N, C-alpha and C. Protein backbone atom coordinates (compact mmCIF):
# COMPACT_ATOMS: atom_id res chain seq x y z
N MET A 1 -35.20 -44.57 -10.26
CA MET A 1 -34.89 -43.35 -10.95
C MET A 1 -34.40 -42.32 -9.92
N PHE A 2 -33.38 -41.53 -10.27
CA PHE A 2 -32.79 -40.53 -9.40
C PHE A 2 -33.63 -39.25 -9.51
N ALA A 3 -34.10 -38.73 -8.41
CA ALA A 3 -34.89 -37.50 -8.40
C ALA A 3 -34.02 -36.35 -7.91
N PHE A 4 -34.13 -35.20 -8.57
CA PHE A 4 -33.38 -34.01 -8.20
C PHE A 4 -34.15 -33.28 -7.10
N ASP A 5 -33.51 -33.09 -5.97
CA ASP A 5 -34.12 -32.38 -4.84
C ASP A 5 -33.52 -30.98 -4.80
N ARG A 6 -34.27 -30.01 -5.29
CA ARG A 6 -33.79 -28.62 -5.38
C ARG A 6 -33.45 -28.07 -4.00
N THR A 7 -34.23 -28.34 -2.99
CA THR A 7 -33.97 -27.83 -1.65
C THR A 7 -32.65 -28.37 -1.11
N GLY A 8 -32.44 -29.66 -1.31
CA GLY A 8 -31.19 -30.26 -0.87
C GLY A 8 -29.99 -29.69 -1.60
N ALA A 9 -30.16 -29.43 -2.89
CA ALA A 9 -29.06 -28.86 -3.69
C ALA A 9 -28.72 -27.45 -3.20
N VAL A 10 -29.76 -26.67 -2.87
CA VAL A 10 -29.54 -25.31 -2.38
C VAL A 10 -28.82 -25.36 -1.03
N ARG A 11 -29.24 -26.29 -0.16
CA ARG A 11 -28.57 -26.43 1.14
C ARG A 11 -27.12 -26.83 0.97
N LEU A 12 -26.88 -27.77 0.07
CA LEU A 12 -25.51 -28.22 -0.19
C LEU A 12 -24.66 -27.07 -0.71
N ALA A 13 -25.21 -26.30 -1.65
CA ALA A 13 -24.47 -25.16 -2.20
C ALA A 13 -24.18 -24.14 -1.11
N GLY A 14 -25.18 -23.89 -0.25
CA GLY A 14 -24.98 -22.94 0.84
C GLY A 14 -23.93 -23.42 1.82
N ALA A 15 -23.98 -24.69 2.17
CA ALA A 15 -22.99 -25.25 3.09
C ALA A 15 -21.60 -25.20 2.49
N THR A 16 -21.50 -25.48 1.19
CA THR A 16 -20.21 -25.43 0.50
C THR A 16 -19.66 -24.00 0.51
N ALA A 17 -20.53 -23.04 0.23
CA ALA A 17 -20.12 -21.64 0.21
C ALA A 17 -19.65 -21.20 1.60
N LEU A 18 -20.39 -21.59 2.63
CA LEU A 18 -19.98 -21.22 4.00
C LEU A 18 -18.65 -21.86 4.37
N SER A 19 -18.44 -23.09 3.95
CA SER A 19 -17.16 -23.76 4.23
C SER A 19 -16.02 -23.05 3.52
N LEU A 20 -16.26 -22.65 2.29
CA LEU A 20 -15.23 -21.94 1.53
C LEU A 20 -14.90 -20.61 2.18
N ILE A 21 -15.93 -19.88 2.60
CA ILE A 21 -15.71 -18.60 3.27
C ILE A 21 -14.91 -18.80 4.56
N ALA A 22 -15.26 -19.81 5.33
CA ALA A 22 -14.53 -20.08 6.57
C ALA A 22 -13.08 -20.42 6.29
N LEU A 23 -12.86 -21.18 5.24
CA LEU A 23 -11.49 -21.56 4.87
C LEU A 23 -10.69 -20.33 4.46
N LEU A 24 -11.29 -19.46 3.65
CA LEU A 24 -10.61 -18.24 3.22
C LEU A 24 -10.36 -17.30 4.39
N ALA A 25 -11.33 -17.19 5.28
CA ALA A 25 -11.17 -16.32 6.44
C ALA A 25 -10.07 -16.80 7.37
N SER A 26 -9.86 -18.08 7.41
CA SER A 26 -8.81 -18.61 8.28
C SER A 26 -7.43 -18.42 7.67
N GLY A 27 -7.37 -17.96 6.42
CA GLY A 27 -6.09 -17.68 5.78
C GLY A 27 -5.48 -18.89 5.13
N CYS A 28 -6.19 -19.99 5.09
CA CYS A 28 -5.72 -21.20 4.42
C CYS A 28 -4.35 -21.63 4.94
N GLY A 29 -4.06 -21.37 6.19
CA GLY A 29 -2.79 -21.79 6.75
C GLY A 29 -1.63 -20.89 6.38
N ASP A 30 -1.90 -19.74 5.79
CA ASP A 30 -0.85 -18.83 5.33
C ASP A 30 -0.56 -17.76 6.38
N SER A 31 -0.75 -18.08 7.65
CA SER A 31 -0.58 -17.06 8.68
C SER A 31 0.84 -17.04 9.25
N ALA A 32 1.72 -17.91 8.79
CA ALA A 32 3.09 -17.92 9.28
C ALA A 32 3.79 -16.64 8.84
N SER A 33 4.54 -16.06 9.77
CA SER A 33 5.24 -14.84 9.41
C SER A 33 6.40 -15.16 8.48
N LEU A 34 6.76 -14.17 7.70
CA LEU A 34 7.88 -14.29 6.77
C LEU A 34 9.19 -14.10 7.54
N THR A 35 10.27 -14.58 6.96
CA THR A 35 11.58 -14.25 7.51
C THR A 35 11.85 -12.79 7.14
N LYS A 36 12.80 -12.18 7.81
CA LYS A 36 13.09 -10.78 7.49
C LYS A 36 13.54 -10.62 6.04
N PRO A 37 14.45 -11.47 5.51
CA PRO A 37 14.82 -11.31 4.09
C PRO A 37 13.62 -11.48 3.15
N GLN A 38 12.73 -12.41 3.44
CA GLN A 38 11.54 -12.59 2.60
C GLN A 38 10.66 -11.35 2.66
N PHE A 39 10.44 -10.85 3.87
CA PHE A 39 9.60 -9.68 4.06
C PHE A 39 10.19 -8.47 3.33
N LEU A 40 11.49 -8.24 3.52
CA LEU A 40 12.14 -7.10 2.87
C LEU A 40 12.06 -7.20 1.35
N SER A 41 12.27 -8.39 0.83
CA SER A 41 12.19 -8.59 -0.61
C SER A 41 10.80 -8.26 -1.14
N LYS A 42 9.78 -8.80 -0.50
CA LYS A 42 8.41 -8.55 -0.95
C LYS A 42 8.01 -7.09 -0.77
N ALA A 43 8.32 -6.53 0.37
CA ALA A 43 7.93 -5.14 0.64
C ALA A 43 8.67 -4.17 -0.27
N ASN A 44 9.97 -4.37 -0.48
CA ASN A 44 10.72 -3.49 -1.38
C ASN A 44 10.19 -3.61 -2.81
N SER A 45 9.78 -4.80 -3.23
CA SER A 45 9.19 -4.98 -4.56
C SER A 45 7.88 -4.21 -4.68
N ILE A 46 7.08 -4.27 -3.63
CA ILE A 46 5.82 -3.51 -3.62
C ILE A 46 6.12 -2.03 -3.78
N CYS A 47 7.08 -1.53 -3.03
CA CYS A 47 7.42 -0.10 -3.10
C CYS A 47 7.92 0.30 -4.48
N LEU A 48 8.75 -0.54 -5.08
CA LEU A 48 9.25 -0.23 -6.42
C LEU A 48 8.12 -0.16 -7.44
N GLU A 49 7.19 -1.10 -7.37
CA GLU A 49 6.06 -1.12 -8.29
C GLU A 49 5.18 0.11 -8.10
N GLN A 50 4.89 0.46 -6.86
CA GLN A 50 4.05 1.63 -6.61
C GLN A 50 4.78 2.93 -6.96
N GLU A 51 6.11 2.95 -6.79
CA GLU A 51 6.89 4.12 -7.19
C GLU A 51 6.83 4.29 -8.71
N ARG A 52 6.92 3.19 -9.42
CA ARG A 52 6.83 3.24 -10.90
C ARG A 52 5.48 3.84 -11.31
N LYS A 53 4.42 3.42 -10.65
CA LYS A 53 3.09 3.96 -10.96
C LYS A 53 3.01 5.44 -10.61
N ARG A 54 3.64 5.83 -9.49
CA ARG A 54 3.64 7.24 -9.08
C ARG A 54 4.38 8.08 -10.11
N PHE A 55 5.50 7.58 -10.63
CA PHE A 55 6.25 8.30 -11.66
C PHE A 55 5.45 8.43 -12.94
N GLU A 56 4.66 7.43 -13.27
CA GLU A 56 3.80 7.52 -14.46
C GLU A 56 2.78 8.65 -14.30
N VAL A 57 2.20 8.75 -13.12
CA VAL A 57 1.24 9.82 -12.84
C VAL A 57 1.93 11.17 -12.97
N MET A 58 3.10 11.30 -12.36
CA MET A 58 3.81 12.58 -12.41
C MET A 58 4.24 12.92 -13.84
N ALA A 59 4.61 11.92 -14.62
CA ALA A 59 4.99 12.17 -16.02
C ALA A 59 3.81 12.75 -16.79
N GLU A 60 2.63 12.24 -16.55
CA GLU A 60 1.43 12.77 -17.21
C GLU A 60 1.18 14.22 -16.78
N VAL A 61 1.38 14.49 -15.52
CA VAL A 61 1.17 15.84 -15.02
C VAL A 61 2.19 16.79 -15.64
N ILE A 62 3.43 16.36 -15.72
CA ILE A 62 4.49 17.22 -16.28
C ILE A 62 4.25 17.50 -17.76
N GLU A 63 3.67 16.53 -18.47
CA GLU A 63 3.35 16.76 -19.88
C GLU A 63 2.36 17.90 -20.04
N SER A 64 1.50 18.09 -19.07
CA SER A 64 0.51 19.16 -19.14
C SER A 64 0.96 20.39 -18.37
N PHE A 65 2.25 20.50 -18.16
CA PHE A 65 2.81 21.59 -17.37
C PHE A 65 2.49 22.94 -18.01
N PRO A 66 1.85 23.85 -17.26
CA PRO A 66 1.48 25.15 -17.83
C PRO A 66 2.69 26.07 -17.98
N PRO A 67 2.67 26.91 -18.98
CA PRO A 67 3.79 27.85 -19.16
C PRO A 67 3.82 28.95 -18.10
N GLU A 68 2.67 29.26 -17.52
CA GLU A 68 2.60 30.32 -16.52
C GLU A 68 3.13 29.81 -15.18
N LYS A 69 4.11 30.53 -14.64
CA LYS A 69 4.75 30.12 -13.40
C LYS A 69 3.76 29.98 -12.25
N ALA A 70 2.79 30.87 -12.17
CA ALA A 70 1.83 30.85 -11.08
C ALA A 70 1.01 29.56 -11.07
N GLU A 71 0.76 28.97 -12.22
CA GLU A 71 -0.04 27.75 -12.31
C GLU A 71 0.79 26.48 -12.10
N ARG A 72 2.10 26.61 -12.17
CA ARG A 72 2.96 25.43 -12.05
C ARG A 72 2.86 24.77 -10.68
N VAL A 73 2.86 25.58 -9.62
CA VAL A 73 2.78 25.03 -8.27
C VAL A 73 1.47 24.27 -8.10
N THR A 74 0.39 24.85 -8.57
CA THR A 74 -0.92 24.18 -8.48
C THR A 74 -0.90 22.87 -9.25
N THR A 75 -0.27 22.84 -10.40
CA THR A 75 -0.18 21.63 -11.21
C THR A 75 0.65 20.58 -10.50
N LEU A 76 1.77 20.99 -9.91
CA LEU A 76 2.60 20.03 -9.17
C LEU A 76 1.88 19.49 -7.94
N GLU A 77 1.16 20.36 -7.25
CA GLU A 77 0.38 19.90 -6.10
C GLU A 77 -0.67 18.87 -6.54
N ARG A 78 -1.32 19.14 -7.67
CA ARG A 78 -2.30 18.19 -8.20
C ARG A 78 -1.62 16.87 -8.51
N GLY A 79 -0.43 16.92 -9.08
CA GLY A 79 0.32 15.69 -9.38
C GLY A 79 0.65 14.90 -8.13
N LEU A 80 1.06 15.62 -7.08
CA LEU A 80 1.35 14.94 -5.81
C LEU A 80 0.11 14.24 -5.27
N LEU A 81 -1.00 14.94 -5.33
CA LEU A 81 -2.24 14.37 -4.80
C LEU A 81 -2.74 13.20 -5.66
N GLU A 82 -2.51 13.28 -6.96
CA GLU A 82 -2.91 12.18 -7.84
C GLU A 82 -1.99 10.97 -7.67
N GLY A 83 -0.73 11.21 -7.32
CA GLY A 83 0.22 10.11 -7.13
C GLY A 83 0.19 9.53 -5.72
N LEU A 84 -0.38 10.26 -4.78
CA LEU A 84 -0.40 9.82 -3.39
C LEU A 84 -1.08 8.47 -3.16
N PRO A 85 -2.13 8.13 -3.90
CA PRO A 85 -2.74 6.81 -3.69
C PRO A 85 -1.77 5.64 -3.92
N THR A 86 -0.74 5.82 -4.72
CA THR A 86 0.22 4.74 -4.91
C THR A 86 1.05 4.54 -3.64
N TYR A 87 1.35 5.61 -2.95
CA TYR A 87 2.08 5.53 -1.68
C TYR A 87 1.19 4.86 -0.63
N GLU A 88 -0.08 5.27 -0.62
CA GLU A 88 -1.03 4.68 0.31
C GLU A 88 -1.25 3.20 0.00
N LYS A 89 -1.26 2.85 -1.27
CA LYS A 89 -1.43 1.44 -1.67
C LYS A 89 -0.24 0.62 -1.21
N ALA A 90 0.97 1.17 -1.35
CA ALA A 90 2.16 0.46 -0.88
C ALA A 90 2.06 0.21 0.62
N THR A 91 1.61 1.22 1.36
CA THR A 91 1.45 1.08 2.81
C THR A 91 0.47 -0.05 3.13
N GLU A 92 -0.64 -0.05 2.42
CA GLU A 92 -1.66 -1.08 2.64
C GLU A 92 -1.14 -2.47 2.27
N MET A 93 -0.46 -2.58 1.16
CA MET A 93 0.03 -3.89 0.71
C MET A 93 1.10 -4.44 1.66
N ILE A 94 1.99 -3.58 2.12
CA ILE A 94 3.02 -4.02 3.07
C ILE A 94 2.36 -4.45 4.37
N GLY A 95 1.33 -3.71 4.78
CA GLY A 95 0.59 -4.08 5.98
C GLY A 95 -0.07 -5.44 5.86
N GLY A 96 -0.35 -5.86 4.64
CA GLY A 96 -0.96 -7.15 4.41
C GLY A 96 0.02 -8.31 4.43
N LEU A 97 1.31 -8.00 4.42
CA LEU A 97 2.32 -9.05 4.51
C LEU A 97 2.45 -9.51 5.96
N ASN A 98 2.88 -10.71 6.14
CA ASN A 98 3.10 -11.22 7.50
C ASN A 98 4.54 -10.90 7.92
N ALA A 99 4.67 -9.77 8.58
CA ALA A 99 6.00 -9.32 9.02
C ALA A 99 6.59 -10.34 9.99
N PRO A 100 7.91 -10.41 10.05
CA PRO A 100 8.54 -11.30 11.03
C PRO A 100 8.00 -10.97 12.42
N GLU A 101 7.64 -12.01 13.14
CA GLU A 101 6.99 -11.84 14.45
C GLU A 101 7.77 -10.91 15.37
N GLN A 102 9.09 -11.06 15.41
CA GLN A 102 9.91 -10.25 16.31
C GLN A 102 10.00 -8.79 15.86
N ASP A 103 9.60 -8.50 14.61
CA ASP A 103 9.71 -7.14 14.07
C ASP A 103 8.36 -6.46 13.86
N GLU A 104 7.28 -7.09 14.28
CA GLU A 104 5.95 -6.54 14.01
C GLU A 104 5.81 -5.11 14.51
N GLY A 105 6.32 -4.82 15.70
CA GLY A 105 6.23 -3.46 16.25
C GLY A 105 6.94 -2.43 15.39
N ARG A 106 8.14 -2.77 14.94
CA ARG A 106 8.90 -1.85 14.08
C ARG A 106 8.18 -1.60 12.77
N VAL A 107 7.66 -2.67 12.19
CA VAL A 107 6.96 -2.54 10.91
C VAL A 107 5.69 -1.71 11.10
N GLU A 108 4.95 -1.96 12.17
CA GLU A 108 3.73 -1.20 12.42
C GLU A 108 4.04 0.29 12.62
N ARG A 109 5.14 0.61 13.32
CA ARG A 109 5.52 2.02 13.50
C ARG A 109 5.86 2.66 12.16
N ALA A 110 6.58 1.94 11.31
CA ALA A 110 6.95 2.48 10.00
C ALA A 110 5.70 2.69 9.15
N LEU A 111 4.78 1.74 9.16
CA LEU A 111 3.55 1.89 8.38
C LEU A 111 2.69 3.02 8.93
N GLY A 112 2.66 3.18 10.24
CA GLY A 112 1.95 4.31 10.84
C GLY A 112 2.54 5.63 10.40
N ALA A 113 3.87 5.69 10.33
CA ALA A 113 4.54 6.91 9.87
C ALA A 113 4.23 7.17 8.40
N MET A 114 4.11 6.11 7.60
CA MET A 114 3.74 6.28 6.19
C MET A 114 2.32 6.85 6.08
N GLU A 115 1.42 6.33 6.91
CA GLU A 115 0.04 6.84 6.90
C GLU A 115 0.02 8.30 7.32
N ASP A 116 0.80 8.66 8.34
CA ASP A 116 0.87 10.05 8.79
C ASP A 116 1.42 10.94 7.68
N ALA A 117 2.43 10.46 6.97
CA ALA A 117 3.02 11.25 5.88
C ALA A 117 1.98 11.52 4.79
N ALA A 118 1.22 10.50 4.43
CA ALA A 118 0.19 10.68 3.41
C ALA A 118 -0.84 11.70 3.86
N LEU A 119 -1.21 11.65 5.12
CA LEU A 119 -2.17 12.61 5.66
C LEU A 119 -1.61 14.03 5.60
N ARG A 120 -0.35 14.20 5.99
CA ARG A 120 0.27 15.53 5.94
C ARG A 120 0.30 16.07 4.51
N VAL A 121 0.60 15.21 3.54
CA VAL A 121 0.64 15.66 2.15
C VAL A 121 -0.77 16.02 1.67
N ARG A 122 -1.76 15.24 2.05
CA ARG A 122 -3.14 15.55 1.66
C ARG A 122 -3.57 16.91 2.22
N GLU A 123 -3.16 17.18 3.46
CA GLU A 123 -3.56 18.44 4.10
C GLU A 123 -2.79 19.64 3.55
N ALA A 124 -1.54 19.45 3.17
CA ALA A 124 -0.72 20.56 2.69
C ALA A 124 0.27 20.04 1.64
N PRO A 125 -0.19 19.81 0.41
CA PRO A 125 0.69 19.22 -0.60
C PRO A 125 1.94 20.05 -0.91
N ALA A 126 1.87 21.35 -0.74
CA ALA A 126 3.03 22.19 -1.05
C ALA A 126 4.23 21.84 -0.17
N THR A 127 3.99 21.35 1.04
CA THR A 127 5.13 21.01 1.90
C THR A 127 5.98 19.91 1.28
N ALA A 128 5.36 19.02 0.54
CA ALA A 128 6.11 17.94 -0.11
C ALA A 128 6.83 18.42 -1.36
N LEU A 129 6.42 19.56 -1.89
CA LEU A 129 7.11 20.12 -3.06
C LEU A 129 8.46 20.72 -2.67
N TYR A 130 8.52 21.28 -1.47
CA TYR A 130 9.70 22.03 -1.08
C TYR A 130 10.58 21.34 -0.05
N SER A 131 10.12 20.23 0.49
CA SER A 131 10.96 19.52 1.46
C SER A 131 10.52 18.06 1.58
N LYS A 132 11.36 17.29 2.22
CA LYS A 132 11.04 15.89 2.51
C LYS A 132 10.38 15.77 3.88
N TYR A 133 10.08 16.90 4.51
CA TYR A 133 9.54 16.88 5.87
C TYR A 133 8.37 15.92 6.05
N PRO A 134 7.36 15.95 5.17
CA PRO A 134 6.21 15.07 5.43
C PRO A 134 6.61 13.59 5.52
N PHE A 135 7.70 13.22 4.85
CA PHE A 135 8.11 11.82 4.78
C PHE A 135 9.31 11.49 5.67
N ARG A 136 9.84 12.48 6.38
CA ARG A 136 11.09 12.28 7.12
C ARG A 136 11.03 11.11 8.11
N GLU A 137 10.04 11.10 8.98
CA GLU A 137 9.96 10.04 9.99
C GLU A 137 9.77 8.67 9.32
N ALA A 138 8.87 8.61 8.34
CA ALA A 138 8.64 7.33 7.65
C ALA A 138 9.92 6.86 6.97
N ASN A 139 10.60 7.78 6.28
CA ASN A 139 11.84 7.41 5.59
C ASN A 139 12.88 6.86 6.56
N GLU A 140 13.02 7.52 7.70
CA GLU A 140 14.01 7.06 8.69
C GLU A 140 13.67 5.67 9.22
N LEU A 141 12.41 5.45 9.56
CA LEU A 141 11.99 4.15 10.09
C LEU A 141 12.10 3.05 9.03
N LEU A 142 11.70 3.37 7.82
CA LEU A 142 11.76 2.38 6.73
C LEU A 142 13.20 2.00 6.44
N GLU A 143 14.04 3.01 6.28
CA GLU A 143 15.44 2.74 5.93
C GLU A 143 16.16 1.99 7.05
N SER A 144 15.91 2.35 8.29
CA SER A 144 16.60 1.68 9.39
C SER A 144 16.21 0.22 9.48
N TYR A 145 15.04 -0.13 8.98
CA TYR A 145 14.60 -1.53 9.00
C TYR A 145 15.09 -2.30 7.78
N GLY A 146 15.46 -1.59 6.73
CA GLY A 146 15.92 -2.25 5.51
C GLY A 146 14.99 -2.09 4.33
N LEU A 147 13.93 -1.31 4.51
CA LEU A 147 13.01 -1.05 3.40
C LEU A 147 13.52 0.15 2.61
N THR A 148 14.63 -0.07 1.93
CA THR A 148 15.34 1.01 1.26
C THR A 148 14.65 1.49 -0.02
N LYS A 149 13.76 0.69 -0.56
CA LYS A 149 13.05 1.08 -1.80
C LYS A 149 11.75 1.80 -1.50
N CYS A 150 11.45 1.99 -0.22
CA CYS A 150 10.19 2.63 0.17
C CYS A 150 10.35 4.10 0.53
N ARG A 151 11.57 4.60 0.47
CA ARG A 151 11.80 6.02 0.76
C ARG A 151 11.16 6.89 -0.32
N VAL A 152 10.73 8.07 0.12
CA VAL A 152 10.20 9.04 -0.83
C VAL A 152 11.11 10.25 -0.78
């Protein structure tokens, strides 16, 4: 008769779980960098999707646009701050892609500039209402690399 050994089953389950975690942590062999066209395609798609979400947020804000001029700037600033997580999400998602090995430095500089832009907008959202200054460096780096859908 076959006897069930609970201790052995728990050990087996634990060993299986640890093996699975190790396999996932190693990236399952998906650590090869993308070609530049593959990277640009994926990254530009990410930016377009996050831009669409940002526009949805802004559309909701505009629907609640106050008639009083003094409150409009505050409402627009709130919209910028509510939409900013989509820009930050795009930065994070692009950072998760395996950039072409020879371009890793350029991509890292562009992503750093995107992070800096988000920080500047968080600190002073009105600057983004009246100029592209907070995003200027990021836009230049992104566009020069071919990430044309990531401009703000």
